[in-house]
């Protein structure tokens, strides 16, 4: 017997303490092979057909400006630091979204007490220029 248990010359599949012979490994794999060959693929046809996103897909971050009060809870709770609040006064602020940082986890939507933040079912396309992705989501300039 060799020093290393896996260094033997005969073919065997080592599963922990149990060694499977070549015959048993084929018998074990044939049902999986049969199922794989005769079922429809699970993958999407994206490059060759339209991309259909599921209804639960969390995509582009949007904020309803009329509902946003500028409290900053969404900015504070964002784990990826994808939101930034620039405040000049109580009623003058803007919220900036950095999609290249965003994890699309939905924490900003959960944290918003006013229901202003939502993640819509829209895909964000890739780009080599990160600065082109940055967007000002809310810009409030109330002089009240």
N, C-alpha and C. Protein backbone atom coordinates (compact mmCIF):
# COMPACT_ATOMS: atom_id res chain seq x y z
N UNK A 1 0.85 -1.18 0.00
CA UNK A 1 0.00 0.00 0.00
C UNK A 1 0.89 1.23 0.00
N UNK A 2 0.50 2.19 -0.80
CA UNK A 2 1.28 3.42 -0.92
C UNK A 2 1.10 4.28 0.33
N UNK A 3 2.02 5.23 0.47
CA UNK A 3 1.96 6.12 1.63
C UNK A 3 0.71 6.98 1.61
N UNK A 4 0.36 7.54 0.42
CA UNK A 4 -0.85 8.33 0.27
C UNK A 4 -1.98 7.43 -0.21
N UNK A 5 -3.14 7.45 0.43
CA UNK A 5 -4.23 6.56 0.01
C UNK A 5 -4.73 6.84 -1.40
N UNK A 6 -4.62 8.06 -1.89
CA UNK A 6 -5.12 8.40 -3.22
C UNK A 6 -4.09 8.09 -4.32
N UNK A 7 -2.91 7.62 -3.95
CA UNK A 7 -1.84 7.42 -4.92
C UNK A 7 -1.87 6.03 -5.54
N UNK A 8 -2.90 5.26 -5.34
CA UNK A 8 -2.98 3.93 -5.92
C UNK A 8 -3.17 4.03 -7.43
N UNK A 9 -2.74 3.00 -8.15
CA UNK A 9 -2.81 3.03 -9.60
C UNK A 9 -4.18 2.66 -10.13
N UNK A 10 -4.98 1.87 -9.42
CA UNK A 10 -6.30 1.50 -9.93
C UNK A 10 -7.27 2.67 -9.77
N UNK A 11 -8.22 2.74 -10.72
CA UNK A 11 -9.20 3.83 -10.69
C UNK A 11 -10.20 3.59 -9.58
N UNK A 12 -10.39 4.57 -8.72
CA UNK A 12 -11.43 4.49 -7.71
C UNK A 12 -11.78 5.91 -7.30
N UNK A 13 -13.03 6.11 -7.01
CA UNK A 13 -13.52 7.41 -6.56
C UNK A 13 -13.54 7.40 -5.06
N UNK A 14 -12.81 8.28 -4.43
CA UNK A 14 -12.67 8.29 -2.99
C UNK A 14 -13.68 9.25 -2.38
N UNK A 15 -14.65 8.74 -1.65
CA UNK A 15 -15.66 9.55 -0.99
C UNK A 15 -15.52 9.37 0.51
N UNK A 16 -14.63 10.10 1.11
CA UNK A 16 -14.43 9.96 2.55
C UNK A 16 -13.83 8.61 2.86
N UNK A 17 -14.53 7.81 3.61
CA UNK A 17 -14.03 6.48 3.97
C UNK A 17 -14.44 5.42 2.98
N UNK A 18 -15.35 5.72 2.06
CA UNK A 18 -15.87 4.73 1.12
C UNK A 18 -15.21 4.90 -0.24
N UNK A 19 -14.70 3.81 -0.79
CA UNK A 19 -14.13 3.84 -2.14
C UNK A 19 -15.10 3.19 -3.10
N UNK A 20 -15.35 3.89 -4.21
CA UNK A 20 -16.31 3.42 -5.19
C UNK A 20 -15.55 2.87 -6.39
N UNK A 21 -15.90 1.67 -6.82
CA UNK A 21 -15.24 1.07 -7.97
C UNK A 21 -15.72 1.74 -9.25
N UNK A 22 -15.06 1.42 -10.35
CA UNK A 22 -15.43 2.01 -11.63
C UNK A 22 -16.86 1.64 -12.01
N UNK A 23 -17.26 0.39 -11.81
CA UNK A 23 -18.61 -0.05 -12.13
C UNK A 23 -19.64 0.68 -11.28
N UNK A 24 -19.40 0.78 -9.99
CA UNK A 24 -20.34 1.46 -9.11
C UNK A 24 -20.44 2.95 -9.41
N UNK A 25 -19.33 3.54 -9.81
CA UNK A 25 -19.39 4.96 -10.14
C UNK A 25 -20.21 5.20 -11.40
N UNK A 26 -20.13 4.31 -12.39
CA UNK A 26 -20.96 4.44 -13.58
C UNK A 26 -22.43 4.23 -13.26
N UNK A 27 -22.73 3.25 -12.45
CA UNK A 27 -24.12 3.00 -12.04
C UNK A 27 -24.65 4.19 -11.26
N UNK A 28 -23.80 4.80 -10.48
CA UNK A 28 -24.19 5.97 -9.69
C UNK A 28 -24.46 7.18 -10.57
N UNK A 29 -23.68 7.37 -11.64
CA UNK A 29 -23.78 8.55 -12.48
C UNK A 29 -24.76 8.41 -13.65
N UNK A 30 -25.12 7.21 -14.07
CA UNK A 30 -26.00 7.03 -15.22
C UNK A 30 -27.37 7.69 -15.06
N UNK A 31 -28.06 7.59 -13.93
CA UNK A 31 -29.34 8.30 -13.82
C UNK A 31 -29.21 9.81 -13.96
N UNK A 32 -28.16 10.37 -13.41
CA UNK A 32 -27.92 11.81 -13.53
C UNK A 32 -27.61 12.18 -14.98
N UNK A 33 -26.83 11.38 -15.64
CA UNK A 33 -26.52 11.61 -17.05
C UNK A 33 -27.79 11.53 -17.90
N UNK A 34 -28.61 10.54 -17.67
CA UNK A 34 -29.86 10.38 -18.41
C UNK A 34 -30.78 11.59 -18.20
N UNK A 35 -30.93 12.03 -16.96
CA UNK A 35 -31.78 13.18 -16.64
C UNK A 35 -31.24 14.45 -17.32
N UNK A 36 -29.95 14.65 -17.31
CA UNK A 36 -29.34 15.83 -17.90
C UNK A 36 -29.50 15.87 -19.42
N UNK A 37 -29.37 14.73 -20.06
CA UNK A 37 -29.46 14.69 -21.51
C UNK A 37 -30.88 14.93 -22.03
N UNK A 38 -31.89 14.56 -21.28
CA UNK A 38 -33.25 14.59 -21.79
C UNK A 38 -34.16 15.59 -21.08
N UNK A 39 -33.62 16.62 -20.48
CA UNK A 39 -34.43 17.69 -19.91
C UNK A 39 -34.06 19.01 -20.57
N UNK A 40 -34.95 19.97 -20.47
CA UNK A 40 -34.71 21.29 -21.03
C UNK A 40 -33.62 22.01 -20.23
N UNK A 41 -32.80 22.82 -20.88
CA UNK A 41 -31.78 23.57 -20.14
C UNK A 41 -32.42 24.62 -19.24
N UNK A 42 -31.77 24.91 -18.14
CA UNK A 42 -32.27 25.87 -17.17
C UNK A 42 -31.80 27.29 -17.52
N UNK A 43 -30.77 27.38 -18.32
CA UNK A 43 -30.19 28.69 -18.63
C UNK A 43 -31.12 29.53 -19.50
N UNK A 44 -30.85 30.82 -19.53
CA UNK A 44 -31.66 31.73 -20.34
C UNK A 44 -31.04 31.88 -21.73
N UNK A 45 -31.81 32.33 -22.68
CA UNK A 45 -31.34 32.50 -24.04
C UNK A 45 -30.90 33.95 -24.29
N UNK A 46 -30.33 34.61 -23.30
CA UNK A 46 -30.10 36.05 -23.35
C UNK A 46 -29.43 36.58 -24.61
N UNK A 47 -28.28 36.13 -25.01
CA UNK A 47 -27.71 36.80 -26.19
C UNK A 47 -28.54 36.58 -27.45
N UNK A 48 -29.30 35.49 -27.50
CA UNK A 48 -30.05 35.14 -28.70
C UNK A 48 -31.52 35.49 -28.61
N UNK A 49 -31.97 35.94 -27.45
CA UNK A 49 -33.36 36.31 -27.25
C UNK A 49 -33.45 37.42 -26.21
N UNK A 50 -34.65 37.94 -25.99
CA UNK A 50 -34.80 39.02 -25.00
C UNK A 50 -34.57 38.51 -23.58
N UNK A 51 -34.02 39.37 -22.76
CA UNK A 51 -33.78 39.04 -21.36
C UNK A 51 -35.06 39.29 -20.57
N UNK A 52 -35.61 38.24 -20.00
CA UNK A 52 -36.83 38.35 -19.21
C UNK A 52 -36.47 38.23 -17.74
N UNK A 53 -36.61 39.33 -17.02
CA UNK A 53 -36.28 39.33 -15.61
C UNK A 53 -37.47 38.87 -14.79
N UNK A 54 -37.24 38.11 -13.72
CA UNK A 54 -38.35 37.68 -12.88
C UNK A 54 -38.92 38.87 -12.10
N UNK A 55 -40.13 38.72 -11.61
CA UNK A 55 -40.80 39.82 -10.91
C UNK A 55 -40.10 40.20 -9.62
N UNK A 56 -39.39 39.29 -9.01
CA UNK A 56 -38.70 39.56 -7.74
C UNK A 56 -37.29 40.11 -7.94
N UNK A 57 -36.90 40.40 -9.17
CA UNK A 57 -35.56 40.91 -9.45
C UNK A 57 -35.41 42.31 -8.86
N UNK A 58 -34.32 42.52 -8.10
CA UNK A 58 -34.05 43.83 -7.52
C UNK A 58 -33.04 44.54 -8.41
N UNK A 59 -33.51 45.52 -9.16
CA UNK A 59 -32.66 46.22 -10.12
C UNK A 59 -32.43 47.66 -9.72
N UNK A 60 -32.69 48.56 -10.64
CA UNK A 60 -32.39 49.97 -10.47
C UNK A 60 -33.06 50.57 -9.23
N UNK A 61 -32.28 51.35 -8.47
CA UNK A 61 -32.79 52.03 -7.27
C UNK A 61 -33.45 53.33 -7.71
N UNK A 62 -34.68 53.52 -7.30
CA UNK A 62 -35.40 54.76 -7.61
C UNK A 62 -35.97 55.34 -6.32
N UNK A 63 -36.09 56.65 -6.30
CA UNK A 63 -36.67 57.35 -5.15
C UNK A 63 -37.76 58.27 -5.67
N UNK A 64 -38.91 58.23 -5.03
CA UNK A 64 -40.01 59.13 -5.35
C UNK A 64 -39.72 60.46 -4.66
N UNK A 65 -39.38 61.51 -5.41
CA UNK A 65 -38.97 62.78 -4.80
C UNK A 65 -40.03 63.40 -3.90
N UNK A 66 -41.31 63.20 -4.21
CA UNK A 66 -42.36 63.80 -3.39
C UNK A 66 -42.44 63.16 -2.00
N UNK A 67 -42.03 61.90 -1.89
CA UNK A 67 -42.09 61.21 -0.60
C UNK A 67 -40.80 61.34 0.20
N UNK A 68 -39.70 61.68 -0.45
CA UNK A 68 -38.40 61.76 0.23
C UNK A 68 -38.32 63.02 1.08
N UNK A 69 -37.94 62.83 2.35
CA UNK A 69 -37.79 63.96 3.27
C UNK A 69 -36.34 64.32 3.53
N UNK A 70 -35.42 63.48 3.02
CA UNK A 70 -34.00 63.76 3.23
C UNK A 70 -33.51 63.36 4.61
N UNK A 71 -34.18 62.41 5.25
CA UNK A 71 -33.80 62.00 6.60
C UNK A 71 -32.45 61.28 6.63
N UNK A 72 -32.08 60.60 5.55
CA UNK A 72 -30.78 59.95 5.47
C UNK A 72 -30.74 58.54 6.01
N UNK A 73 -31.87 57.94 6.33
CA UNK A 73 -31.86 56.57 6.83
C UNK A 73 -31.37 55.59 5.77
N UNK A 74 -31.77 55.81 4.53
CA UNK A 74 -31.33 54.92 3.46
C UNK A 74 -29.81 55.02 3.27
N UNK A 75 -29.28 56.21 3.40
CA UNK A 75 -27.84 56.43 3.24
C UNK A 75 -27.08 55.79 4.40
N UNK A 76 -27.60 55.96 5.60
CA UNK A 76 -26.95 55.42 6.79
C UNK A 76 -26.91 53.90 6.78
N UNK A 77 -27.99 53.26 6.32
CA UNK A 77 -28.09 51.80 6.40
C UNK A 77 -27.54 51.06 5.19
N UNK A 78 -27.10 51.78 4.16
CA UNK A 78 -26.57 51.12 2.97
C UNK A 78 -25.24 50.45 3.29
N UNK A 79 -25.15 49.10 3.20
CA UNK A 79 -23.90 48.42 3.56
C UNK A 79 -22.78 48.62 2.55
N UNK A 80 -23.11 49.00 1.32
CA UNK A 80 -22.10 49.16 0.27
C UNK A 80 -21.71 50.62 0.05
N UNK A 81 -22.28 51.54 0.83
CA UNK A 81 -22.02 52.98 0.69
C UNK A 81 -22.33 53.46 -0.73
N UNK A 82 -23.43 52.97 -1.29
CA UNK A 82 -23.81 53.32 -2.65
C UNK A 82 -24.67 54.58 -2.72
N UNK A 83 -25.15 55.05 -1.58
CA UNK A 83 -25.95 56.28 -1.54
C UNK A 83 -25.19 57.35 -0.79
N UNK A 84 -25.33 58.58 -1.24
CA UNK A 84 -24.66 59.71 -0.59
C UNK A 84 -25.65 60.86 -0.49
N UNK A 85 -25.72 61.44 0.69
CA UNK A 85 -26.61 62.57 0.94
C UNK A 85 -25.77 63.83 1.08
N UNK A 86 -26.02 64.80 0.22
CA UNK A 86 -25.36 66.11 0.31
C UNK A 86 -26.41 67.10 0.74
N UNK A 87 -26.26 67.60 1.95
CA UNK A 87 -27.25 68.51 2.53
C UNK A 87 -26.63 69.89 2.72
N UNK A 88 -27.36 70.91 2.21
CA UNK A 88 -26.94 72.29 2.41
C UNK A 88 -27.76 72.95 3.50
N UNK A 89 -29.02 72.61 3.57
CA UNK A 89 -29.90 73.10 4.64
C UNK A 89 -30.96 72.03 4.86
N UNK A 90 -31.93 72.33 5.72
CA UNK A 90 -32.95 71.34 6.04
C UNK A 90 -33.78 70.95 4.81
N UNK A 91 -34.09 71.90 3.97
CA UNK A 91 -34.93 71.64 2.80
C UNK A 91 -34.16 71.62 1.49
N UNK A 92 -32.85 71.74 1.53
CA UNK A 92 -32.04 71.74 0.32
C UNK A 92 -31.02 70.61 0.41
N UNK A 93 -31.27 69.56 -0.35
CA UNK A 93 -30.39 68.39 -0.32
C UNK A 93 -30.47 67.65 -1.64
N UNK A 94 -29.53 66.73 -1.83
CA UNK A 94 -29.60 65.83 -2.97
C UNK A 94 -29.03 64.48 -2.56
N UNK A 95 -29.62 63.44 -3.12
CA UNK A 95 -29.17 62.06 -2.87
C UNK A 95 -28.57 61.53 -4.17
N UNK A 96 -27.33 61.05 -4.06
CA UNK A 96 -26.60 60.53 -5.22
C UNK A 96 -26.48 59.02 -5.08
N UNK A 97 -26.72 58.31 -6.17
CA UNK A 97 -26.62 56.85 -6.18
C UNK A 97 -25.44 56.44 -7.05
N UNK A 98 -24.60 55.53 -6.52
CA UNK A 98 -23.44 54.98 -7.23
C UNK A 98 -23.73 53.51 -7.53
N UNK A 99 -24.26 53.18 -8.70
CA UNK A 99 -24.61 51.79 -9.01
C UNK A 99 -23.43 50.84 -9.04
N UNK A 100 -22.22 51.34 -9.30
CA UNK A 100 -21.07 50.45 -9.34
C UNK A 100 -20.71 49.94 -7.94
N UNK A 101 -21.12 50.63 -6.89
CA UNK A 101 -20.89 50.19 -5.51
C UNK A 101 -22.05 49.35 -4.98
N UNK A 102 -23.22 49.52 -5.55
CA UNK A 102 -24.46 48.97 -5.00
C UNK A 102 -24.48 47.44 -5.06
N UNK A 103 -24.93 46.82 -3.98
CA UNK A 103 -25.08 45.36 -3.91
C UNK A 103 -26.49 44.93 -4.24
N UNK A 104 -27.41 45.88 -4.42
CA UNK A 104 -28.82 45.62 -4.73
C UNK A 104 -29.44 44.68 -3.70
N UNK A 105 -29.13 44.93 -2.45
CA UNK A 105 -29.64 44.09 -1.36
C UNK A 105 -31.02 44.51 -0.90
N UNK A 106 -31.41 45.75 -1.17
CA UNK A 106 -32.73 46.23 -0.77
C UNK A 106 -32.78 46.81 0.62
N UNK A 107 -31.64 46.99 1.27
CA UNK A 107 -31.63 47.54 2.62
C UNK A 107 -32.12 48.99 2.64
N UNK A 108 -31.83 49.75 1.61
CA UNK A 108 -32.30 51.14 1.54
C UNK A 108 -33.83 51.18 1.45
N UNK A 109 -34.41 50.25 0.71
CA UNK A 109 -35.85 50.18 0.59
C UNK A 109 -36.50 49.81 1.92
N UNK A 110 -35.86 48.91 2.64
CA UNK A 110 -36.37 48.49 3.95
C UNK A 110 -36.25 49.60 4.98
N UNK A 111 -35.17 50.37 4.92
CA UNK A 111 -34.91 51.40 5.91
C UNK A 111 -35.79 52.64 5.74
N UNK A 112 -36.24 52.91 4.54
CA UNK A 112 -37.02 54.12 4.29
C UNK A 112 -38.39 54.02 4.96
N UNK A 113 -38.65 54.91 5.91
CA UNK A 113 -39.91 54.89 6.65
C UNK A 113 -41.05 55.53 5.87
N UNK A 114 -40.74 56.23 4.80
CA UNK A 114 -41.76 56.95 4.05
C UNK A 114 -42.13 56.26 2.74
N UNK A 115 -41.47 55.13 2.42
CA UNK A 115 -41.77 54.40 1.19
C UNK A 115 -41.29 55.09 -0.07
N UNK A 116 -40.28 55.93 0.06
CA UNK A 116 -39.80 56.67 -1.10
C UNK A 116 -38.84 55.85 -1.95
N UNK A 117 -38.09 54.95 -1.34
CA UNK A 117 -37.07 54.18 -2.05
C UNK A 117 -37.66 52.85 -2.51
N UNK A 118 -37.47 52.54 -3.79
CA UNK A 118 -37.89 51.24 -4.32
C UNK A 118 -36.82 50.73 -5.28
N UNK A 119 -36.73 49.42 -5.38
CA UNK A 119 -35.87 48.78 -6.35
C UNK A 119 -36.78 48.20 -7.42
N UNK A 120 -36.68 48.73 -8.63
CA UNK A 120 -37.59 48.32 -9.68
C UNK A 120 -36.98 47.20 -10.51
N UNK A 121 -37.81 46.55 -11.28
CA UNK A 121 -37.42 45.42 -12.10
C UNK A 121 -36.82 45.92 -13.42
N UNK A 122 -35.64 46.53 -13.33
CA UNK A 122 -34.97 47.06 -14.51
C UNK A 122 -33.48 46.76 -14.40
N UNK A 123 -32.92 46.22 -15.46
CA UNK A 123 -31.53 45.82 -15.50
C UNK A 123 -30.63 47.01 -15.81
N UNK A 124 -29.51 47.11 -15.13
CA UNK A 124 -28.54 48.18 -15.38
C UNK A 124 -27.43 47.60 -16.25
N UNK A 125 -27.25 48.16 -17.41
CA UNK A 125 -26.26 47.65 -18.36
C UNK A 125 -24.84 47.99 -17.92
N UNK A 126 -23.92 47.13 -18.28
CA UNK A 126 -22.51 47.32 -17.94
C UNK A 126 -21.90 48.42 -18.82
N UNK A 127 -20.90 49.07 -18.26
CA UNK A 127 -20.19 50.12 -19.00
C UNK A 127 -18.76 50.19 -18.48
N UNK A 128 -17.81 50.55 -19.32
CA UNK A 128 -16.43 50.67 -18.83
C UNK A 128 -16.19 51.96 -18.05
N UNK A 129 -17.10 52.92 -18.15
CA UNK A 129 -16.94 54.20 -17.47
C UNK A 129 -17.85 54.27 -16.25
N UNK A 130 -17.29 54.13 -15.06
CA UNK A 130 -18.09 54.14 -13.83
C UNK A 130 -18.75 55.48 -13.57
N UNK A 131 -18.13 56.56 -14.01
CA UNK A 131 -18.69 57.88 -13.77
C UNK A 131 -20.00 58.10 -14.52
N UNK A 132 -20.19 57.39 -15.62
CA UNK A 132 -21.44 57.55 -16.37
C UNK A 132 -22.62 56.90 -15.65
N UNK A 133 -22.35 56.03 -14.70
CA UNK A 133 -23.42 55.36 -13.94
C UNK A 133 -23.96 56.22 -12.81
N UNK A 134 -23.15 57.13 -12.28
CA UNK A 134 -23.55 57.94 -11.13
C UNK A 134 -24.75 58.81 -11.51
N UNK A 135 -25.75 58.79 -10.65
CA UNK A 135 -26.95 59.57 -10.93
C UNK A 135 -27.47 60.25 -9.66
N UNK A 136 -27.94 61.46 -9.85
CA UNK A 136 -28.59 62.19 -8.75
C UNK A 136 -30.05 61.74 -8.75
N UNK A 137 -30.45 61.05 -7.70
CA UNK A 137 -31.80 60.48 -7.64
C UNK A 137 -32.80 61.53 -7.17
N UNK A 138 -32.44 62.28 -6.14
CA UNK A 138 -33.32 63.32 -5.61
C UNK A 138 -32.52 64.60 -5.50
N UNK A 139 -33.10 65.69 -5.98
CA UNK A 139 -32.49 66.99 -5.79
C UNK A 139 -33.59 67.95 -5.39
N UNK A 140 -33.60 68.31 -4.13
CA UNK A 140 -34.65 69.20 -3.62
C UNK A 140 -34.01 70.55 -3.29
N UNK A 141 -34.65 71.59 -3.79
CA UNK A 141 -34.15 72.94 -3.61
C UNK A 141 -35.30 73.82 -3.14
N UNK A 142 -35.96 73.40 -2.03
CA UNK A 142 -37.06 74.18 -1.48
C UNK A 142 -36.53 75.34 -0.67
N UNK A 143 -37.04 76.51 -0.94
CA UNK A 143 -36.64 77.70 -0.17
C UNK A 143 -37.73 78.08 0.81
N UNK A 144 -38.39 77.10 1.38
CA UNK A 144 -39.49 77.38 2.31
C UNK A 144 -39.00 77.67 3.70
